[in-house]
PDB file of N, CA and C in Angstrom:
ATOM      1  N   MET A   1      24.663 -33.421 -19.920  1.00  0.00           N
ATOM      2  CA  MET A   1      24.988 -32.024 -19.743  1.00  0.00           C
ATOM      3  C   MET A   1      23.899 -31.137 -20.351  1.00  0.00           C
ATOM      4  N   LYS A   2      23.345 -31.597 -21.470  1.00  0.00           N
ATOM      5  CA  LYS A   2      22.317 -30.841 -22.156  1.00  0.00           C
ATOM      6  C   LYS A   2      21.064 -30.689 -21.296  1.00  0.00           C
ATOM      7  N   SER A   3      20.666 -31.765 -20.643  1.00  0.00           N
ATOM      8  CA  SER A   3      19.447 -31.704 -19.822  1.00  0.00           C
ATOM      9  C   SER A   3      19.655 -30.795 -18.611  1.00  0.00           C
ATOM     10  N   PHE A   4      20.865 -30.741 -18.071  1.00  0.00           N
ATOM     11  CA  PHE A   4      21.158 -29.851 -16.944  1.00  0.00           C
ATOM     12  C   PHE A   4      20.957 -28.392 -17.352  1.00  0.00           C
ATOM     13  N   VAL A   5      21.432 -28.039 -18.519  1.00  0.00           N
ATOM     14  CA  VAL A   5      21.302 -26.664 -19.012  1.00  0.00           C
ATOM     15  C   VAL A   5      19.828 -26.334 -19.233  1.00  0.00           C
ATOM     16  N   TYR A   6      19.075 -27.242 -19.831  1.00  0.00           N
ATOM     17  CA  TYR A   6      17.650 -27.011 -20.063  1.00  0.00           C
ATOM     18  C   TYR A   6      16.894 -26.862 -18.749  1.00  0.00           C
ATOM     19  N   LYS A   7      17.173 -27.733 -17.804  1.00  0.00           N
ATOM     20  CA  LYS A   7      16.509 -27.658 -16.498  1.00  0.00           C
ATOM     21  C   LYS A   7      16.851 -26.346 -15.792  1.00  0.00           C
ATOM     22  N   THR A   8      18.099 -25.945 -15.873  1.00  0.00           N
ATOM     23  CA  THR A   8      18.523 -24.696 -15.237  1.00  0.00           C
ATOM     24  C   THR A   8      17.807 -23.504 -15.856  1.00  0.00           C
ATOM     25  N   ILE A   9      17.702 -23.485 -17.162  1.00  0.00           N
ATOM     26  CA  ILE A   9      17.017 -22.390 -17.857  1.00  0.00           C
ATOM     27  C   ILE A   9      15.544 -22.353 -17.466  1.00  0.00           C
ATOM     28  N   VAL A  10      14.888 -23.493 -17.431  1.00  0.00           N
ATOM     29  CA  VAL A  10      13.474 -23.562 -17.064  1.00  0.00           C
ATOM     30  C   VAL A  10      13.274 -23.086 -15.628  1.00  0.00           C
ATOM     31  N   ILE A  11      14.135 -23.503 -14.716  1.00  0.00           N
ATOM     32  CA  ILE A  11      14.015 -23.096 -13.316  1.00  0.00           C
ATOM     33  C   ILE A  11      14.225 -21.590 -13.162  1.00  0.00           C
ATOM     34  N   VAL A  12      15.220 -21.045 -13.857  1.00  0.00           N
ATOM     35  CA  VAL A  12      15.482 -19.605 -13.778  1.00  0.00           C
ATOM     36  C   VAL A  12      14.288 -18.819 -14.314  1.00  0.00           C
ATOM     37  N   ILE A  13      13.737 -19.248 -15.428  1.00  0.00           N
ATOM     38  CA  ILE A  13      12.568 -18.567 -15.994  1.00  0.00           C
ATOM     39  C   ILE A  13      11.386 -18.666 -15.040  1.00  0.00           C
ATOM     40  N   ALA A  14      11.181 -19.832 -14.434  1.00  0.00           N
ATOM     41  CA  ALA A  14      10.080 -20.001 -13.497  1.00  0.00           C
ATOM     42  C   ALA A  14      10.245 -19.086 -12.282  1.00  0.00           C
ATOM     43  N   VAL A  15      11.452 -18.979 -11.766  1.00  0.00           N
ATOM     44  CA  VAL A  15      11.692 -18.114 -10.607  1.00  0.00           C
ATOM     45  C   VAL A  15      11.430 -16.651 -10.963  1.00  0.00           C
ATOM     46  N   VAL A  16      11.888 -16.226 -12.132  1.00  0.00           N
ATOM     47  CA  VAL A  16      11.668 -14.839 -12.560  1.00  0.00           C
ATOM     48  C   VAL A  16      10.174 -14.559 -12.718  1.00  0.00           C
ATOM     49  N   VAL A  17       9.446 -15.469 -13.339  1.00  0.00           N
ATOM     50  CA  VAL A  17       8.007 -15.274 -13.539  1.00  0.00           C
ATOM     51  C   VAL A  17       7.285 -15.234 -12.198  1.00  0.00           C
ATOM     52  N   ILE A  18       7.605 -16.135 -11.300  1.00  0.00           N
ATOM     53  CA  ILE A  18       6.968 -16.155  -9.978  1.00  0.00           C
ATOM     54  C   ILE A  18       7.272 -14.867  -9.225  1.00  0.00           C
ATOM     55  N   PHE A  19       8.515 -14.398  -9.285  1.00  0.00           N
ATOM     56  CA  PHE A  19       8.892 -13.157  -8.619  1.00  0.00           C
ATOM     57  C   PHE A  19       8.096 -11.976  -9.170  1.00  0.00           C
ATOM     58  N   GLU A  20       7.974 -11.904 -10.480  1.00  0.00           N
ATOM     59  CA  GLU A  20       7.261 -10.782 -11.093  1.00  0.00           C
ATOM     60  C   GLU A  20       5.779 -10.777 -10.719  1.00  0.00           C
ATOM     61  N   PHE A  21       5.169 -11.956 -10.618  1.00  0.00           N
ATOM     62  CA  PHE A  21       3.747 -12.010 -10.294  1.00  0.00           C
ATOM     63  C   PHE A  21       3.471 -11.825  -8.807  1.00  0.00           C
ATOM     64  N   THR A  22       4.452 -12.040  -7.945  1.00  0.00           N
ATOM     65  CA  THR A  22       4.214 -11.895  -6.511  1.00  0.00           C
ATOM     66  C   THR A  22       4.854 -10.611  -5.981  1.00  0.00           C
ATOM     67  N   LEU A  23       6.128 -10.621  -5.770  1.00  0.00           N
ATOM     68  CA  LEU A  23       6.813  -9.482  -5.169  1.00  0.00           C
ATOM     69  C   LEU A  23       7.008  -8.328  -6.147  1.00  0.00           C
ATOM     70  N   GLY A  24       7.234  -8.623  -7.376  1.00  0.00           N
ATOM     71  CA  GLY A  24       7.491  -7.576  -8.363  1.00  0.00           C
ATOM     72  C   GLY A  24       6.329  -6.616  -8.509  1.00  0.00           C
ATOM     73  N   SER A  25       5.107  -7.136  -8.517  1.00  0.00           N
ATOM     74  CA  SER A  25       3.940  -6.256  -8.660  1.00  0.00           C
ATOM     75  C   SER A  25       3.769  -5.374  -7.429  1.00  0.00           C
ATOM     76  N   LYS A  26       4.021  -5.915  -6.252  1.00  0.00           N
ATOM     77  CA  LYS A  26       3.912  -5.116  -5.017  1.00  0.00           C
ATOM     78  C   LYS A  26       4.994  -4.036  -4.984  1.00  0.00           C
ATOM     79  N   ILE A  27       6.198  -4.389  -5.401  1.00  0.00           N
ATOM     80  CA  ILE A  27       7.290  -3.408  -5.422  1.00  0.00           C
ATOM     81  C   ILE A  27       6.968  -2.288  -6.403  1.00  0.00           C
ATOM     82  N   ASN A  28       6.420  -2.619  -7.553  1.00  0.00           N
ATOM     83  CA  ASN A  28       6.042  -1.600  -8.538  1.00  0.00           C
ATOM     84  C   ASN A  28       4.937  -0.700  -7.996  1.00  0.00           C
ATOM     85  N   GLU A  29       3.977  -1.285  -7.296  1.00  0.00           N
ATOM     86  CA  GLU A  29       2.881  -0.510  -6.727  1.00  0.00           C
ATOM     87  C   GLU A  29       3.399   0.481  -5.680  1.00  0.00           C
ATOM     88  N   ILE A  30       4.262   0.012  -4.794  1.00  0.00           N
ATOM     89  CA  ILE A  30       4.835   0.878  -3.765  1.00  0.00           C
ATOM     90  C   ILE A  30       5.696   1.958  -4.403  1.00  0.00           C
ATOM     91  N   SER A  31       6.464   1.595  -5.393  1.00  0.00           N
ATOM     92  CA  SER A  31       7.322   2.554  -6.079  1.00  0.00           C
ATOM     93  C   SER A  31       6.501   3.645  -6.761  1.00  0.00           C
ATOM     94  N   SER A  32       5.408   3.273  -7.382  1.00  0.00           N
ATOM     95  CA  SER A  32       4.575   4.279  -8.051  1.00  0.00           C
ATOM     96  C   SER A  32       3.936   5.220  -7.037  1.00  0.00           C
ATOM     97  N   LYS A  33       3.516   4.691  -5.878  1.00  0.00           N
ATOM     98  CA  LYS A  33       2.958   5.558  -4.832  1.00  0.00           C
ATOM     99  C   LYS A  33       4.023   6.500  -4.291  1.00  0.00           C
ATOM    100  N   PHE A  34       5.226   6.010  -4.107  1.00  0.00           N
ATOM    101  CA  PHE A  34       6.313   6.854  -3.628  1.00  0.00           C
ATOM    102  C   PHE A  34       6.630   7.945  -4.634  1.00  0.00           C
ATOM    103  N   ASN A  35       6.674   7.588  -5.899  1.00  0.00           N
ATOM    104  CA  ASN A  35       6.935   8.576  -6.943  1.00  0.00           C
ATOM    105  C   ASN A  35       5.838   9.622  -7.006  1.00  0.00           C
ATOM    106  N   TYR A  36       4.594   9.215  -6.772  1.00  0.00           N
ATOM    107  CA  TYR A  36       3.476  10.150  -6.780  1.00  0.00           C
ATOM    108  C   TYR A  36       3.621  11.170  -5.659  1.00  0.00           C
ATOM    109  N   PHE A  37       3.958  10.715  -4.459  1.00  0.00           N
ATOM    110  CA  PHE A  37       4.073  11.627  -3.334  1.00  0.00           C
ATOM    111  C   PHE A  37       5.385  12.401  -3.341  1.00  0.00           C
ATOM    112  N   SER A  38       6.303  12.059  -4.210  1.00  0.00           N
ATOM    113  CA  SER A  38       7.534  12.833  -4.311  1.00  0.00           C
ATOM    114  C   SER A  38       7.364  14.029  -5.248  1.00  0.00           C
ATOM    115  N   THR A  39       6.233  14.086  -5.963  1.00  0.00           N
ATOM    116  CA  THR A  39       5.962  15.235  -6.811  1.00  0.00           C
ATOM    117  C   THR A  39       5.247  16.313  -6.007  1.00  0.00           C
ATOM    118  N   LYS A  40       5.312  17.518  -6.492  1.00  0.00           N
ATOM    119  CA  LYS A  40       4.696  18.643  -5.793  1.00  0.00           C
ATOM    120  C   LYS A  40       3.173  18.484  -5.725  1.00  0.00           C
ATOM    121  N   GLU A  41       2.573  18.051  -6.817  1.00  0.00           N
ATOM    122  CA  GLU A  41       1.124  17.864  -6.850  1.00  0.00           C
ATOM    123  C   GLU A  41       0.688  16.755  -5.895  1.00  0.00           C
ATOM    124  N   GLY A  42       1.472  15.689  -5.828  1.00  0.00           N
ATOM    125  CA  GLY A  42       1.147  14.581  -4.935  1.00  0.00           C
ATOM    126  C   GLY A  42       1.195  15.003  -3.482  1.00  0.00           C
ATOM    127  N   ARG A  43       2.192  15.801  -3.125  1.00  0.00           N
ATOM    128  CA  ARG A  43       2.285  16.290  -1.746  1.00  0.00           C
ATOM    129  C   ARG A  43       1.116  17.206  -1.421  1.00  0.00           C
ATOM    130  N   LYS A  44       0.748  18.066  -2.375  1.00  0.00           N
ATOM    131  CA  LYS A  44      -0.389  18.959  -2.137  1.00  0.00           C
ATOM    132  C   LYS A  44      -1.664  18.164  -1.914  1.00  0.00           C
ATOM    133  N   GLU A  45      -1.872  17.144  -2.730  1.00  0.00           N
ATOM    134  CA  GLU A  45      -3.070  16.317  -2.575  1.00  0.00           C
ATOM    135  C   GLU A  45      -3.052  15.571  -1.237  1.00  0.00           C
ATOM    136  N   GLY A  46      -1.870  15.115  -0.820  1.00  0.00           N
ATOM    137  CA  GLY A  46      -1.752  14.446   0.477  1.00  0.00           C
ATOM    138  C   GLY A  46      -2.097  15.377   1.621  1.00  0.00           C
ATOM    139  N   VAL A  47      -1.638  16.620   1.544  1.00  0.00           N
ATOM    140  CA  VAL A  47      -1.949  17.609   2.583  1.00  0.00           C
ATOM    141  C   VAL A  47      -3.445  17.894   2.601  1.00  0.00           C
ATOM    142  N   ILE A  48      -4.045  17.990   1.424  1.00  0.00           N
ATOM    143  CA  ILE A  48      -5.489  18.244   1.350  1.00  0.00           C
ATOM    144  C   ILE A  48      -6.262  17.094   1.995  1.00  0.00           C
ATOM    145  N   LYS A  49      -5.848  15.857   1.735  1.00  0.00           N
ATOM    146  CA  LYS A  49      -6.524  14.700   2.329  1.00  0.00           C
ATOM    147  C   LYS A  49      -6.380  14.703   3.850  1.00  0.00           C
ATOM    148  N   ILE A  50      -5.193  15.055   4.336  1.00  0.00           N
ATOM    149  CA  ILE A  50      -4.983  15.112   5.786  1.00  0.00           C
ATOM    150  C   ILE A  50      -5.876  16.180   6.403  1.00  0.00           C
ATOM    151  N   ARG A  51      -5.974  17.338   5.750  1.00  0.00           N
ATOM    152  CA  ARG A  51      -6.844  18.405   6.262  1.00  0.00           C
ATOM    153  C   ARG A  51      -8.297  17.962   6.304  1.00  0.00           C
ATOM    154  N   GLU A  52      -8.750  17.263   5.258  1.00  0.00           N
ATOM    155  CA  GLU A  52     -10.134  16.783   5.230  1.00  0.00           C
ATOM    156  C   GLU A  52     -10.398  15.822   6.382  1.00  0.00           C
ATOM    157  N   GLU A  53      -9.459  14.916   6.636  1.00  0.00           N
ATOM    158  CA  GLU A  53      -9.626  13.970   7.737  1.00  0.00           C
ATOM    159  C   GLU A  53      -9.623  14.680   9.090  1.00  0.00           C
ATOM    160  N   MET A  54      -8.791  15.720   9.219  1.00  0.00           N
ATOM    161  CA  MET A  54      -8.772  16.486  10.465  1.00  0.00           C
ATOM    162  C   MET A  54     -10.096  17.228  10.659  1.00  0.00           C
ATOM    163  N   LYS A  55     -10.663  17.759   9.582  1.00  0.00           N
ATOM    164  CA  LYS A  55     -11.956  18.436   9.679  1.00  0.00           C
ATOM    165  C   LYS A  55     -13.053  17.464  10.103  1.00  0.00           C
ATOM    166  N   LYS A  56     -13.023  16.251   9.550  1.00  0.00           N
ATOM    167  CA  LYS A  56     -13.997  15.230   9.948  1.00  0.00           C
ATOM    168  C   LYS A  56     -13.864  14.901  11.428  1.00  0.00           C
ATOM    169  N   ALA A  57     -12.614  14.804  11.906  1.00  0.00           N
ATOM    170  CA  ALA A  57     -12.384  14.475  13.306  1.00  0.00           C
ATOM    171  C   ALA A  57     -12.865  15.589  14.218  1.00  0.00           C
ATOM    172  N   VAL A  58     -12.673  16.831  13.814  1.00  0.00           N
ATOM    173  CA  VAL A  58     -13.104  17.961  14.636  1.00  0.00           C
ATOM    174  C   VAL A  58     -14.625  18.020  14.709  1.00  0.00           C
ATOM    175  N   LYS A  59     -15.303  17.657  13.635  1.00  0.00           N
ATOM    176  CA  LYS A  59     -16.763  17.700  13.614  1.00  0.00           C
ATOM    177  C   LYS A  59     -17.412  16.616  14.467  1.00  0.00           C
ATOM    178  N   LYS A  60     -16.685  15.552  14.728  1.00  0.00           N
ATOM    179  CA  LYS A  60     -17.249  14.474  15.532  1.00  0.00           C
ATOM    180  C   LYS A  60     -17.456  14.948  16.960  1.00  0.00           C
ATOM    181  N   ASP A  61     -18.500  14.435  17.578  1.00  0.00           N
ATOM    182  CA  ASP A  61     -18.800  14.810  18.952  1.00  0.00           C
ATOM    183  C   ASP A  61     -17.726  14.279  19.896  1.00  0.00           C
ATOM    184  N   ARG A  62     -17.336  13.047  19.696  1.00  0.00           N
ATOM    185  CA  ARG A  62     -16.313  12.426  20.539  1.00  0.00           C
ATOM    186  C   ARG A  62     -15.420  11.603  19.635  1.00  0.00           C
ATOM    187  N   TYR A  63     -14.151  11.942  19.592  1.00  0.00           N
ATOM    188  CA  TYR A  63     -13.226  11.260  18.704  1.00  0.00           C
ATOM    189  C   TYR A  63     -12.696   9.984  19.322  1.00  0.00           C
ATOM    190  N   LEU A  64     -12.412  10.008  20.625  1.00  0.00           N
ATOM    191  CA  LEU A  64     -11.888   8.837  21.329  1.00  0.00           C
ATOM    192  C   LEU A  64     -12.955   8.269  22.249  1.00  0.00           C
ATOM    193  N   SER A  65     -12.907   6.972  22.431  1.00  0.00           N
ATOM    194  CA  SER A  65     -13.800   6.371  23.421  1.00  0.00           C
ATOM    195  C   SER A  65     -13.259   6.687  24.815  1.00  0.00           C
ATOM    196  N   GLN A  66     -14.082   6.497  25.831  1.00  0.00           N
ATOM    197  CA  GLN A  66     -13.660   6.773  27.209  1.00  0.00           C
ATOM    198  C   GLN A  66     -12.425   5.951  27.568  1.00  0.00           C
ATOM    199  N   GLU A  67     -12.450   4.688  27.206  1.00  0.00           N
ATOM    200  CA  GLU A  67     -11.339   3.793  27.540  1.00  0.00           C
ATOM    201  C   GLU A  67     -10.048   4.239  26.835  1.00  0.00           C
ATOM    202  N   ASP A  68     -10.160   4.594  25.552  1.00  0.00           N
ATOM    203  CA  ASP A  68      -8.985   5.062  24.815  1.00  0.00           C
ATOM    204  C   ASP A  68      -8.449   6.361  25.393  1.00  0.00           C
ATOM    205  N   ALA A  69      -9.354   7.256  25.777  1.00  0.00           N
ATOM    206  CA  ALA A  69      -8.934   8.533  26.353  1.00  0.00           C
ATOM    207  C   ALA A  69      -8.189   8.316  27.670  1.00  0.00           C
ATOM    208  N   LYS A  70      -8.681   7.426  28.508  1.00  0.00           N
ATOM    209  CA  LYS A  70      -8.007   7.138  29.787  1.00  0.00           C
ATOM    210  C   LYS A  70      -6.625   6.537  29.535  1.00  0.00           C
ATOM    211  N   LEU A  71      -6.556   5.588  28.617  1.00  0.00           N
ATOM    212  CA  LEU A  71      -5.287   4.939  28.308  1.00  0.00           C
ATOM    213  C   LEU A  71      -4.279   5.941  27.743  1.00  0.00           C
ATOM    214  N   LEU A  72      -4.728   6.787  26.848  1.00  0.00           N
ATOM    215  CA  LEU A  72      -3.853   7.795  26.271  1.00  0.00           C
ATOM    216  C   LEU A  72      -3.386   8.793  27.328  1.00  0.00           C
ATOM    217  N   ASN A  73      -4.279   9.171  28.234  1.00  0.00           N
ATOM    218  CA  ASN A  73      -3.927  10.083  29.316  1.00  0.00           C
ATOM    219  C   ASN A  73      -2.876   9.461  30.230  1.00  0.00           C
ATOM    220  N   GLN A  74      -3.044   8.200  30.572  1.00  0.00           N
ATOM    221  CA  GLN A  74      -2.069   7.510  31.420  1.00  0.00           C
ATOM    222  C   GLN A  74      -0.711   7.435  30.721  1.00  0.00           C
ATOM    223  N   PHE A  75      -0.726   7.161  29.447  1.00  0.00           N
ATOM    224  CA  PHE A  75       0.521   7.066  28.684  1.00  0.00           C
ATOM    225  C   PHE A  75       1.240   8.410  28.648  1.00  0.00           C
ATOM    226  N   ILE A  76       0.489   9.479  28.387  1.00  0.00           N
ATOM    227  CA  ILE A  76       1.090  10.817  28.336  1.00  0.00           C
ATOM    228  C   ILE A  76       1.651  11.207  29.696  1.00  0.00           C
ATOM    229  N   ASN A  77       0.924  10.907  30.762  1.00  0.00           N
ATOM    230  CA  ASN A  77       1.413  11.218  32.108  1.00  0.00           C
ATOM    231  C   ASN A  77       2.696  10.453  32.417  1.00  0.00           C
ATOM    232  N   LYS A  78       2.770   9.209  31.996  1.00  0.00           N
ATOM    233  CA  LYS A  78       3.976   8.416  32.216  1.00  0.00           C
ATOM    234  C   LYS A  78       5.161   9.016  31.464  1.00  0.00           C
ATOM    235  N   ILE A  79       4.945   9.403  30.230  1.00  0.00           N
ATOM    236  CA  ILE A  79       6.004  10.034  29.441  1.00  0.00           C
ATOM    237  C   ILE A  79       6.454  11.336  30.098  1.00  0.00           C
ATOM    238  N   ARG A  80       5.492  12.145  30.577  1.00  0.00           N
ATOM    239  CA  ARG A  80       5.841  13.406  31.250  1.00  0.00           C
ATOM    240  C   ARG A  80       6.688  13.160  32.485  1.00  0.00           C
ATOM    241  N   SER A  81       6.319  12.140  33.266  1.00  0.00           N
ATOM    242  CA  SER A  81       7.079  11.868  34.486  1.00  0.00           C
ATOM    243  C   SER A  81       8.491  11.393  34.155  1.00  0.00           C
ATOM    244  N   GLU A  82       8.635  10.588  33.126  1.00  0.00           N
ATOM    245  CA  GLU A  82       9.968  10.134  32.734  1.00  0.00           C
ATOM    246  C   GLU A  82      10.803  11.288  32.186  1.00  0.00           C
ATOM    247  N   LEU A  83      10.178  12.199  31.456  1.00  0.00           N
ATOM    248  CA  LEU A  83      10.900  13.353  30.945  1.00  0.00           C
ATOM    249  C   LEU A  83      11.304  14.307  32.067  1.00  0.00           C
ATOM    250  N   SER A  84      10.445  14.467  33.054  1.00  0.00           N
ATOM    251  CA  SER A  84      10.778  15.363  34.165  1.00  0.00           C
ATOM    252  C   SER A  84      11.910  14.771  35.002  1.00  0.00           C
ATOM    253  N   GLU A  85      12.025  13.457  35.077  1.00  0.00           N
ATOM    254  CA  GLU A  85      13.102  12.812  35.812  1.00  0.00           C
ATOM    255  C   GLU A  85      14.450  13.073  35.131  1.00  0.00           C
ATOM    256  N   THR A  86      14.466  13.145  33.819  1.00  0.00           N
ATOM    257  CA  THR A  86      15.733  13.352  33.105  1.00  0.00           C
ATOM    258  C   THR A  86      16.171  14.804  33.153  1.00  0.00           C
ATOM    259  N   ASN A  87      15.255  15.743  33.366  1.00  0.00           N
ATOM    260  CA  ASN A  87      15.593  17.160  33.438  1.00  0.00           C
ATOM    261  C   ASN A  87      16.239  17.532  34.764  1.00  0.00           C
ATOM    262  N   GLN A  88      16.098  16.728  35.762  1.00  0.00           N
ATOM    263  CA  GLN A  88      16.628  17.072  37.090  1.00  0.00           C
ATOM    264  C   GLN A  88      18.083  16.844  37.207  1.00  0.00           C
TER     265      GLN A  88
END
């Protein structure tokens, strides 16, 4: 009975340690990022970063490749046609 208790304790400790080094660290990282963006300063910084990326995109001569532009155009046209069918 004694060895069963010792083995159980060792296994539980091993599982906890493995969890903390693998999933626990990722969960803490995601949680800290979420907490950062839930603050007013974090949201402001996020908006500033989005604006900077939009400015970079506007400055580029061509943002989409020809193939991507055609594919996106076809997709938008398909969505428009499906939406117009539901309005009738």
